[in-house]
PDB file of N, CA and C in Angstrom:
ATOM      1  N   UNK A   1     -54.185 -64.658 199.827  1.00  0.00           N
ATOM      2  CA  UNK A   1     -54.739 -63.383 199.723  1.00  0.00           C
ATOM      3  C   UNK A   1     -55.107 -63.074 198.304  1.00  0.00           C
ATOM      4  N   UNK A   2     -56.247 -62.428 198.085  1.00  0.00           N
ATOM      5  CA  UNK A   2     -56.804 -62.159 196.760  1.00  0.00           C
ATOM      6  C   UNK A   2     -56.061 -60.859 196.204  1.00  0.00           C
ATOM      7  N   UNK A   3     -55.863 -60.735 194.944  1.00  0.00           N
ATOM      8  CA  UNK A   3     -55.262 -59.551 194.427  1.00  0.00           C
ATOM      9  C   UNK A   3     -56.265 -58.423 194.332  1.00  0.00           C
ATOM     10  N   UNK A   4     -55.776 -57.214 194.524  1.00  0.00           N
ATOM     11  CA  UNK A   4     -56.728 -55.967 194.451  1.00  0.00           C
ATOM     12  C   UNK A   4     -56.374 -55.326 193.118  1.00  0.00           C
ATOM     13  N   UNK A   5     -57.414 -54.891 192.480  1.00  0.00           N
ATOM     14  CA  UNK A   5     -57.349 -54.032 191.289  1.00  0.00           C
ATOM     15  C   UNK A   5     -58.007 -52.776 191.585  1.00  0.00           C
ATOM     16  N   UNK A   6     -57.372 -51.686 191.096  1.00  0.00           N
ATOM     17  CA  UNK A   6     -57.819 -50.343 191.389  1.00  0.00           C
ATOM     18  C   UNK A   6     -57.661 -49.449 190.187  1.00  0.00           C
ATOM     19  N   UNK A   7     -58.552 -48.708 189.864  1.00  0.00           N
ATOM     20  CA  UNK A   7     -58.586 -47.547 188.884  1.00  0.00           C
ATOM     21  C   UNK A   7     -58.763 -46.268 189.637  1.00  0.00           C
ATOM     22  N   UNK A   8     -57.708 -45.465 189.502  1.00  0.00           N
ATOM     23  CA  UNK A   8     -57.873 -44.027 190.048  1.00  0.00           C
ATOM     24  C   UNK A   8     -58.147 -43.134 188.873  1.00  0.00           C
ATOM     25  N   UNK A   9     -59.211 -42.384 188.951  1.00  0.00           N
ATOM     26  CA  UNK A   9     -59.565 -41.446 187.970  1.00  0.00           C
ATOM     27  C   UNK A   9     -59.049 -40.033 188.351  1.00  0.00           C
ATOM     28  N   UNK A  10     -58.076 -39.553 187.486  1.00  0.00           N
ATOM     29  CA  UNK A  10     -57.427 -38.267 187.789  1.00  0.00           C
ATOM     30  C   UNK A  10     -57.753 -37.303 186.758  1.00  0.00           C
ATOM     31  N   UNK A  11     -58.275 -36.102 187.204  1.00  0.00           N
ATOM     32  CA  UNK A  11     -58.675 -35.058 186.294  1.00  0.00           C
ATOM     33  C   UNK A  11     -57.922 -33.813 186.605  1.00  0.00           C
ATOM     34  N   UNK A  12     -56.717 -33.638 185.931  1.00  0.00           N
ATOM     35  CA  UNK A  12     -55.943 -32.435 186.230  1.00  0.00           C
ATOM     36  C   UNK A  12     -56.466 -31.160 185.574  1.00  0.00           C
ATOM     37  N   UNK A  13     -56.246 -30.046 186.180  1.00  0.00           N
ATOM     38  CA  UNK A  13     -56.593 -28.824 185.600  1.00  0.00           C
ATOM     39  C   UNK A  13     -55.564 -28.625 184.356  1.00  0.00           C
ATOM     40  N   UNK A  14     -56.194 -27.932 183.322  1.00  0.00           N
ATOM     41  CA  UNK A  14     -55.378 -27.863 182.143  1.00  0.00           C
ATOM     42  C   UNK A  14     -54.025 -27.102 182.356  1.00  0.00           C
ATOM     43  N   UNK A  15     -54.165 -26.044 183.180  1.00  0.00           N
ATOM     44  CA  UNK A  15     -52.970 -25.296 183.445  1.00  0.00           C
ATOM     45  C   UNK A  15     -51.945 -26.003 184.308  1.00  0.00           C
ATOM     46  N   UNK A  16     -52.377 -27.008 184.943  1.00  0.00           N
ATOM     47  CA  UNK A  16     -51.337 -27.728 185.857  1.00  0.00           C
ATOM     48  C   UNK A  16     -51.111 -29.139 185.340  1.00  0.00           C
ATOM     49  N   UNK A  17     -51.493 -29.456 184.139  1.00  0.00           N
ATOM     50  CA  UNK A  17     -51.390 -30.886 183.603  1.00  0.00           C
ATOM     51  C   UNK A  17     -49.929 -31.302 183.531  1.00  0.00           C
ATOM     52  N   UNK A  18     -49.032 -30.416 183.208  1.00  0.00           N
ATOM     53  CA  UNK A  18     -47.653 -30.844 183.039  1.00  0.00           C
ATOM     54  C   UNK A  18     -46.975 -31.127 184.439  1.00  0.00           C
ATOM     55  N   UNK A  19     -47.347 -30.308 185.318  1.00  0.00           N
ATOM     56  CA  UNK A  19     -46.955 -30.530 186.723  1.00  0.00           C
ATOM     57  C   UNK A  19     -47.515 -31.876 187.335  1.00  0.00           C
ATOM     58  N   UNK A  20     -48.756 -32.074 187.095  1.00  0.00           N
ATOM     59  CA  UNK A  20     -49.342 -33.334 187.450  1.00  0.00           C
ATOM     60  C   UNK A  20     -48.623 -34.457 186.978  1.00  0.00           C
ATOM     61  N   UNK A  21     -48.327 -34.460 185.689  1.00  0.00           N
ATOM     62  CA  UNK A  21     -47.647 -35.518 185.090  1.00  0.00           C
ATOM     63  C   UNK A  21     -46.288 -35.710 185.647  1.00  0.00           C
ATOM     64  N   UNK A  22     -45.623 -34.679 185.919  1.00  0.00           N
ATOM     65  CA  UNK A  22     -44.254 -34.849 186.569  1.00  0.00           C
ATOM     66  C   UNK A  22     -44.296 -35.449 187.903  1.00  0.00           C
ATOM     67  N   UNK A  23     -45.319 -35.063 188.758  1.00  0.00           N
ATOM     68  CA  UNK A  23     -45.458 -35.754 190.041  1.00  0.00           C
ATOM     69  C   UNK A  23     -45.874 -37.166 189.901  1.00  0.00           C
ATOM     70  N   UNK A  24     -46.816 -37.473 189.026  1.00  0.00           N
ATOM     71  CA  UNK A  24     -47.216 -38.875 188.816  1.00  0.00           C
ATOM     72  C   UNK A  24     -45.990 -39.724 188.296  1.00  0.00           C
ATOM     73  N   UNK A  25     -45.229 -39.230 187.442  1.00  0.00           N
ATOM     74  CA  UNK A  25     -44.148 -39.979 187.008  1.00  0.00           C
ATOM     75  C   UNK A  25     -43.169 -40.365 187.977  1.00  0.00           C
ATOM     76  N   UNK A  26     -42.903 -39.381 188.930  1.00  0.00           N
ATOM     77  CA  UNK A  26     -42.016 -39.724 190.082  1.00  0.00           C
ATOM     78  C   UNK A  26     -42.738 -40.805 191.065  1.00  0.00           C
ATOM     79  N   UNK A  27     -44.098 -40.631 191.268  1.00  0.00           N
ATOM     80  CA  UNK A  27     -44.687 -41.648 192.063  1.00  0.00           C
ATOM     81  C   UNK A  27     -44.794 -43.031 191.406  1.00  0.00           C
ATOM     82  N   UNK A  28     -44.826 -43.102 190.092  1.00  0.00           N
ATOM     83  CA  UNK A  28     -44.898 -44.326 189.400  1.00  0.00           C
ATOM     84  C   UNK A  28     -43.637 -45.166 189.612  1.00  0.00           C
ATOM     85  N   UNK A  29     -42.508 -44.297 189.329  1.00  0.00           N
ATOM     86  CA  UNK A  29     -41.229 -44.969 189.509  1.00  0.00           C
ATOM     87  C   UNK A  29     -41.012 -45.529 190.982  1.00  0.00           C
ATOM     88  N   UNK A  30     -41.272 -44.844 191.915  1.00  0.00           N
ATOM     89  CA  UNK A  30     -41.062 -45.306 193.263  1.00  0.00           C
ATOM     90  C   UNK A  30     -42.147 -46.452 193.669  1.00  0.00           C
ATOM     91  N   UNK A  31     -43.285 -46.365 193.180  1.00  0.00           N
ATOM     92  CA  UNK A  31     -44.445 -47.404 193.432  1.00  0.00           C
ATOM     93  C   UNK A  31     -44.132 -48.645 192.791  1.00  0.00           C
ATOM     94  N   UNK A  32     -43.588 -48.700 191.649  1.00  0.00           N
ATOM     95  CA  UNK A  32     -43.281 -49.902 190.983  1.00  0.00           C
ATOM     96  C   UNK A  32     -42.283 -50.779 191.656  1.00  0.00           C
ATOM     97  N   UNK A  33     -41.448 -50.172 192.501  1.00  0.00           N
ATOM     98  CA  UNK A  33     -40.515 -50.864 193.350  1.00  0.00           C
ATOM     99  C   UNK A  33     -41.053 -51.381 194.702  1.00  0.00           C
ATOM    100  N   UNK A  34     -42.345 -50.997 195.004  1.00  0.00           N
ATOM    101  CA  UNK A  34     -42.836 -51.361 196.252  1.00  0.00           C
ATOM    102  C   UNK A  34     -43.143 -52.946 196.199  1.00  0.00           C
ATOM    103  N   UNK A  35     -43.190 -53.602 197.416  1.00  0.00           N
ATOM    104  CA  UNK A  35     -43.548 -54.926 197.566  1.00  0.00           C
ATOM    105  C   UNK A  35     -45.101 -55.057 197.233  1.00  0.00           C
ATOM    106  N   UNK A  36     -45.396 -56.042 196.488  1.00  0.00           N
ATOM    107  CA  UNK A  36     -46.812 -56.212 196.161  1.00  0.00           C
ATOM    108  C   UNK A  36     -47.398 -55.567 194.982  1.00  0.00           C
ATOM    109  N   UNK A  37     -46.636 -54.601 194.392  1.00  0.00           N
ATOM    110  CA  UNK A  37     -47.112 -53.853 193.296  1.00  0.00           C
ATOM    111  C   UNK A  37     -46.909 -54.688 192.034  1.00  0.00           C
ATOM    112  N   UNK A  38     -48.011 -55.069 191.420  1.00  0.00           N
ATOM    113  CA  UNK A  38     -47.872 -55.923 190.180  1.00  0.00           C
ATOM    114  C   UNK A  38     -48.097 -55.109 188.936  1.00  0.00           C
ATOM    115  N   UNK A  39     -48.879 -53.965 188.974  1.00  0.00           N
ATOM    116  CA  UNK A  39     -49.061 -53.085 187.870  1.00  0.00           C
ATOM    117  C   UNK A  39     -49.351 -51.790 188.441  1.00  0.00           C
ATOM    118  N   UNK A  40     -48.773 -50.688 187.818  1.00  0.00           N
ATOM    119  CA  UNK A  40     -49.049 -49.314 188.109  1.00  0.00           C
ATOM    120  C   UNK A  40     -48.866 -48.501 186.885  1.00  0.00           C
ATOM    121  N   UNK A  41     -49.820 -48.285 186.095  1.00  0.00           N
ATOM    122  CA  UNK A  41     -49.743 -47.605 184.832  1.00  0.00           C
ATOM    123  C   UNK A  41     -50.625 -46.445 184.655  1.00  0.00           C
ATOM    124  N   UNK A  42     -50.099 -45.342 184.105  1.00  0.00           N
ATOM    125  CA  UNK A  42     -50.916 -44.268 183.841  1.00  0.00           C
ATOM    126  C   UNK A  42     -51.296 -44.229 182.407  1.00  0.00           C
ATOM    127  N   UNK A  43     -52.602 -44.103 182.098  1.00  0.00           N
ATOM    128  CA  UNK A  43     -53.143 -44.033 180.831  1.00  0.00           C
ATOM    129  C   UNK A  43     -53.986 -42.816 180.637  1.00  0.00           C
ATOM    130  N   UNK A  44     -54.136 -42.397 179.437  1.00  0.00           N
ATOM    131  CA  UNK A  44     -54.807 -41.107 179.100  1.00  0.00           C
ATOM    132  C   UNK A  44     -55.825 -41.525 178.053  1.00  0.00           C
ATOM    133  N   UNK A  45     -57.107 -40.984 178.217  1.00  0.00           N
ATOM    134  CA  UNK A  45     -58.113 -41.375 177.194  1.00  0.00           C
ATOM    135  C   UNK A  45     -57.888 -40.756 175.926  1.00  0.00           C
ATOM    136  N   UNK A  46     -58.028 -41.618 174.882  1.00  0.00           N
ATOM    137  CA  UNK A  46     -57.985 -41.161 173.487  1.00  0.00           C
ATOM    138  C   UNK A  46     -59.137 -40.199 173.140  1.00  0.00           C
ATOM    139  N   UNK A  47     -60.328 -40.421 173.651  1.00  0.00           N
ATOM    140  CA  UNK A  47     -61.393 -39.533 173.354  1.00  0.00           C
ATOM    141  C   UNK A  47     -61.545 -38.405 174.388  1.00  0.00           C
ATOM    142  N   UNK A  48     -60.908 -38.486 175.585  1.00  0.00           N
ATOM    143  CA  UNK A  48     -60.825 -37.560 176.634  1.00  0.00           C
ATOM    144  C   UNK A  48     -59.605 -37.306 177.288  1.00  0.00           C
ATOM    145  N   UNK A  49     -58.607 -36.629 176.652  1.00  0.00           N
ATOM    146  CA  UNK A  49     -57.276 -36.501 177.133  1.00  0.00           C
ATOM    147  C   UNK A  49     -57.207 -35.682 178.479  1.00  0.00           C
ATOM    148  N   UNK A  50     -58.308 -35.070 178.919  1.00  0.00           N
ATOM    149  CA  UNK A  50     -58.260 -34.437 180.134  1.00  0.00           C
ATOM    150  C   UNK A  50     -58.626 -35.384 181.350  1.00  0.00           C
ATOM    151  N   UNK A  51     -58.920 -36.541 181.081  1.00  0.00           N
ATOM    152  CA  UNK A  51     -59.178 -37.574 182.135  1.00  0.00           C
ATOM    153  C   UNK A  51     -58.165 -38.644 182.109  1.00  0.00           C
ATOM    154  N   UNK A  52     -57.288 -38.926 183.143  1.00  0.00           N
ATOM    155  CA  UNK A  52     -56.329 -39.810 183.196  1.00  0.00           C
ATOM    156  C   UNK A  52     -56.714 -40.972 184.228  1.00  0.00           C
ATOM    157  N   UNK A  53     -56.233 -42.188 183.932  1.00  0.00           N
ATOM    158  CA  UNK A  53     -56.509 -43.302 184.736  1.00  0.00           C
ATOM    159  C   UNK A  53     -55.202 -43.854 185.204  1.00  0.00           C
ATOM    160  N   UNK A  54     -55.041 -44.031 186.536  1.00  0.00           N
ATOM    161  CA  UNK A  54     -53.969 -44.919 187.095  1.00  0.00           C
ATOM    162  C   UNK A  54     -54.554 -46.289 187.237  1.00  0.00           C
ATOM    163  N   UNK A  55     -54.055 -47.242 186.542  1.00  0.00           N
ATOM    164  CA  UNK A  55     -54.540 -48.633 186.611  1.00  0.00           C
ATOM    165  C   UNK A  55     -53.494 -49.424 187.474  1.00  0.00           C
ATOM    166  N   UNK A  56     -53.983 -49.971 188.511  1.00  0.00           N
ATOM    167  CA  UNK A  56     -53.177 -50.655 189.538  1.00  0.00           C
ATOM    168  C   UNK A  56     -53.543 -52.061 189.793  1.00  0.00           C
ATOM    169  N   UNK A  57     -52.642 -52.922 190.046  1.00  0.00           N
ATOM    170  CA  UNK A  57     -52.921 -54.224 190.593  1.00  0.00           C
ATOM    171  C   UNK A  57     -51.958 -54.524 191.600  1.00  0.00           C
ATOM    172  N   UNK A  58     -52.436 -54.908 192.826  1.00  0.00           N
ATOM    173  CA  UNK A  58     -51.717 -55.173 194.025  1.00  0.00           C
ATOM    174  C   UNK A  58     -51.836 -56.669 194.342  1.00  0.00           C
ATOM    175  N   UNK A  59     -50.918 -57.193 194.987  1.00  0.00           N
ATOM    176  CA  UNK A  59     -50.996 -58.726 195.423  1.00  0.00           C
ATOM    177  C   UNK A  59     -52.052 -58.863 196.430  1.00  0.00           C
ATOM    178  N   UNK A  60     -52.377 -57.701 197.281  1.00  0.00           N
ATOM    179  CA  UNK A  60     -53.421 -57.876 198.292  1.00  0.00           C
ATOM    180  C   UNK A  60     -53.806 -56.469 198.694  1.00  0.00           C
ATOM    181  N   UNK A  61     -54.876 -56.325 199.345  1.00  0.00           N
ATOM    182  CA  UNK A  61     -55.418 -55.024 199.956  1.00  0.00           C
ATOM    183  C   UNK A  61     -54.325 -54.504 200.943  1.00  0.00           C
ATOM    184  N   UNK A  62     -53.711 -55.451 201.611  1.00  0.00           N
ATOM    185  CA  UNK A  62     -52.720 -55.012 202.628  1.00  0.00           C
ATOM    186  C   UNK A  62     -51.562 -54.350 201.986  1.00  0.00           C
ATOM    187  N   UNK A  63     -51.128 -54.807 200.836  1.00  0.00           N
ATOM    188  CA  UNK A  63     -50.030 -54.200 200.018  1.00  0.00           C
ATOM    189  C   UNK A  63     -50.439 -52.658 199.618  1.00  0.00           C
ATOM    190  N   UNK A  64     -51.759 -52.654 199.131  1.00  0.00           N
ATOM    191  CA  UNK A  64     -52.106 -51.341 198.755  1.00  0.00           C
ATOM    192  C   UNK A  64     -52.222 -50.371 199.969  1.00  0.00           C
ATOM    193  N   UNK A  65     -52.692 -50.934 201.088  1.00  0.00           N
ATOM    194  CA  UNK A  65     -52.778 -49.971 202.308  1.00  0.00           C
ATOM    195  C   UNK A  65     -51.385 -49.580 202.649  1.00  0.00           C
ATOM    196  N   UNK A  66     -50.407 -50.460 202.617  1.00  0.00           N
ATOM    197  CA  UNK A  66     -49.076 -49.929 202.929  1.00  0.00           C
ATOM    198  C   UNK A  66     -48.587 -48.894 201.905  1.00  0.00           C
ATOM    199  N   UNK A  67     -48.937 -49.084 200.709  1.00  0.00           N
ATOM    200  CA  UNK A  67     -48.582 -48.093 199.593  1.00  0.00           C
ATOM    201  C   UNK A  67     -49.048 -46.680 199.948  1.00  0.00           C
ATOM    202  N   UNK A  68     -50.292 -46.660 200.463  1.00  0.00           N
ATOM    203  CA  UNK A  68     -51.032 -45.412 200.713  1.00  0.00           C
ATOM    204  C   UNK A  68     -50.362 -44.604 201.969  1.00  0.00           C
ATOM    205  N   UNK A  69     -49.481 -45.139 202.664  1.00  0.00           N
ATOM    206  CA  UNK A  69     -48.791 -44.465 203.745  1.00  0.00           C
ATOM    207  C   UNK A  69     -47.396 -44.220 203.462  1.00  0.00           C
ATOM    208  N   UNK A  70     -46.896 -44.465 202.238  1.00  0.00           N
ATOM    209  CA  UNK A  70     -45.518 -44.263 201.917  1.00  0.00           C
ATOM    210  C   UNK A  70     -45.210 -42.728 201.754  1.00  0.00           C
ATOM    211  N   UNK A  71     -43.992 -42.375 201.954  1.00  0.00           N
ATOM    212  CA  UNK A  71     -43.759 -40.845 201.819  1.00  0.00           C
ATOM    213  C   UNK A  71     -43.948 -40.279 200.441  1.00  0.00           C
ATOM    214  N   UNK A  72     -43.665 -41.072 199.461  1.00  0.00           N
ATOM    215  CA  UNK A  72     -44.010 -40.631 198.082  1.00  0.00           C
ATOM    216  C   UNK A  72     -45.322 -40.378 197.746  1.00  0.00           C
ATOM    217  N   UNK A  73     -46.255 -41.230 198.278  1.00  0.00           N
ATOM    218  CA  UNK A  73     -47.713 -40.971 198.054  1.00  0.00           C
ATOM    219  C   UNK A  73     -48.177 -39.769 198.800  1.00  0.00           C
ATOM    220  N   UNK A  74     -47.787 -39.641 200.121  1.00  0.00           N
ATOM    221  CA  UNK A  74     -48.160 -38.479 200.829  1.00  0.00           C
ATOM    222  C   UNK A  74     -47.682 -37.177 200.229  1.00  0.00           C
ATOM    223  N   UNK A  75     -46.410 -37.169 199.679  1.00  0.00           N
ATOM    224  CA  UNK A  75     -45.818 -35.973 199.097  1.00  0.00           C
ATOM    225  C   UNK A  75     -46.639 -35.726 197.744  1.00  0.00           C
ATOM    226  N   UNK A  76     -46.960 -36.665 197.014  1.00  0.00           N
ATOM    227  CA  UNK A  76     -47.587 -36.612 195.789  1.00  0.00           C
ATOM    228  C   UNK A  76     -49.108 -36.012 196.008  1.00  0.00           C
ATOM    229  N   UNK A  77     -49.729 -36.621 196.903  1.00  0.00           N
ATOM    230  CA  UNK A  77     -51.116 -36.200 197.243  1.00  0.00           C
ATOM    231  C   UNK A  77     -51.092 -34.782 197.652  1.00  0.00           C
ATOM    232  N   UNK A  78     -50.183 -34.314 198.518  1.00  0.00           N
ATOM    233  CA  UNK A  78     -50.040 -32.946 198.868  1.00  0.00           C
ATOM    234  C   UNK A  78     -49.894 -32.012 197.729  1.00  0.00           C
ATOM    235  N   UNK A  79     -48.918 -32.403 196.907  1.00  0.00           N
ATOM    236  CA  UNK A  79     -48.548 -31.521 195.772  1.00  0.00           C
ATOM    237  C   UNK A  79     -49.601 -31.396 194.734  1.00  0.00           C
ATOM    238  N   UNK A  80     -50.445 -32.557 194.562  1.00  0.00           N
ATOM    239  CA  UNK A  80     -51.480 -32.493 193.498  1.00  0.00           C
ATOM    240  C   UNK A  80     -52.791 -31.884 193.992  1.00  0.00           C
ATOM    241  N   UNK A  81     -52.980 -31.574 195.215  1.00  0.00           N
ATOM    242  CA  UNK A  81     -54.188 -31.093 195.769  1.00  0.00           C
ATOM    243  C   UNK A  81     -54.820 -29.912 195.049  1.00  0.00           C
ATOM    244  N   UNK A  82     -54.104 -29.086 194.733  1.00  0.00           N
ATOM    245  CA  UNK A  82     -54.556 -27.744 194.065  1.00  0.00           C
ATOM    246  C   UNK A  82     -54.495 -27.837 192.587  1.00  0.00           C
ATOM    247  N   UNK A  83     -54.088 -28.987 192.067  1.00  0.00           N
ATOM    248  CA  UNK A  83     -53.839 -29.132 190.579  1.00  0.00           C
ATOM    249  C   UNK A  83     -54.838 -29.883 189.819  1.00  0.00           C
ATOM    250  N   UNK A  84     -55.888 -30.421 190.642  1.00  0.00           N
ATOM    251  CA  UNK A  84     -56.932 -31.261 190.008  1.00  0.00           C
ATOM    252  C   UNK A  84     -58.266 -30.597 190.157  1.00  0.00           C
ATOM    253  N   UNK A  85     -58.957 -30.906 188.978  1.00  0.00           N
ATOM    254  CA  UNK A  85     -60.266 -30.340 188.858  1.00  0.00           C
ATOM    255  C   UNK A  85     -61.277 -30.859 189.916  1.00  0.00           C
ATOM    256  N   UNK A  86     -61.083 -32.027 190.433  1.00  0.00           N
ATOM    257  CA  UNK A  86     -61.887 -32.599 191.455  1.00  0.00           C
ATOM    258  C   UNK A  86     -61.003 -33.774 192.101  1.00  0.00           C
ATOM    259  N   UNK A  87     -61.391 -34.153 193.314  1.00  0.00           N
ATOM    260  CA  UNK A  87     -60.689 -35.203 194.080  1.00  0.00           C
ATOM    261  C   UNK A  87     -60.544 -36.402 193.191  1.00  0.00           C
ATOM    262  N   UNK A  88     -59.482 -37.152 193.270  1.00  0.00           N
ATOM    263  CA  UNK A  88     -59.247 -38.434 192.594  1.00  0.00           C
ATOM    264  C   UNK A  88     -60.374 -39.377 193.014  1.00  0.00           C
ATOM    265  N   UNK A  89     -60.887 -40.037 192.071  1.00  0.00           N
ATOM    266  CA  UNK A  89     -61.962 -41.134 192.369  1.00  0.00           C
ATOM    267  C   UNK A  89     -61.249 -42.551 192.366  1.00  0.00           C
ATOM    268  N   UNK A  90     -61.431 -43.217 193.470  1.00  0.00           N
ATOM    269  CA  UNK A  90     -60.876 -44.586 193.454  1.00  0.00           C
ATOM    270  C   UNK A  90     -61.938 -45.523 193.155  1.00  0.00           C
ATOM    271  N   UNK A  91     -61.783 -46.493 192.242  1.00  0.00           N
ATOM    272  CA  UNK A  91     -62.625 -47.652 191.920  1.00  0.00           C
ATOM    273  C   UNK A  91     -61.885 -48.869 192.184  1.00  0.00           C
ATOM    274  N   UNK A  92     -62.427 -49.765 193.167  1.00  0.00           N
ATOM    275  CA  UNK A  92     -61.920 -50.921 193.484  1.00  0.00           C
ATOM    276  C   UNK A  92     -62.509 -52.128 192.703  1.00  0.00           C
ATOM    277  N   UNK A  93     -61.818 -53.119 192.474  1.00  0.00           N
ATOM    278  CA  UNK A  93     -62.259 -54.389 191.716  1.00  0.00           C
ATOM    279  C   UNK A  93     -61.578 -55.583 192.201  1.00  0.00           C
ATOM    280  N   UNK A  94     -62.171 -56.673 192.064  1.00  0.00           N
ATOM    281  CA  UNK A  94     -61.605 -57.893 192.431  1.00  0.00           C
ATOM    282  C   UNK A  94     -61.852 -59.054 191.364  1.00  0.00           C
ATOM    283  N   UNK A  95     -61.111 -59.909 191.283  1.00  0.00           N
ATOM    284  CA  UNK A  95     -61.225 -61.071 190.273  1.00  0.00           C
ATOM    285  C   UNK A  95     -62.401 -61.871 190.814  1.00  0.00           C
ATOM    286  N   UNK A  96     -63.254 -62.346 189.889  1.00  0.00           N
ATOM    287  CA  UNK A  96     -64.303 -63.233 190.228  1.00  0.00           C
ATOM    288  C   UNK A  96     -64.125 -64.575 189.369  1.00  0.00           C
TER     289      UNK A  96
END
């Protein structure tokens, strides 16, 4: 199976940024323990601190699919719904 690379573009509302960070930190801890998770890091732009990126690497697309139906992802997505300026953009990549 080929690895899956993913960048999730997250744009929290200024007034909810601390809460978004708290939820993401809990999701990061749980996700890093998942089977197939090779990297799951949150980074913030030096030039644009209002845009965050979750940089992910999964052993396969099937591992990421399983991740997306875990309770911590469902809870996090529900909690973050009203705290973001726009829906999270998912960008998928593969090694060439």
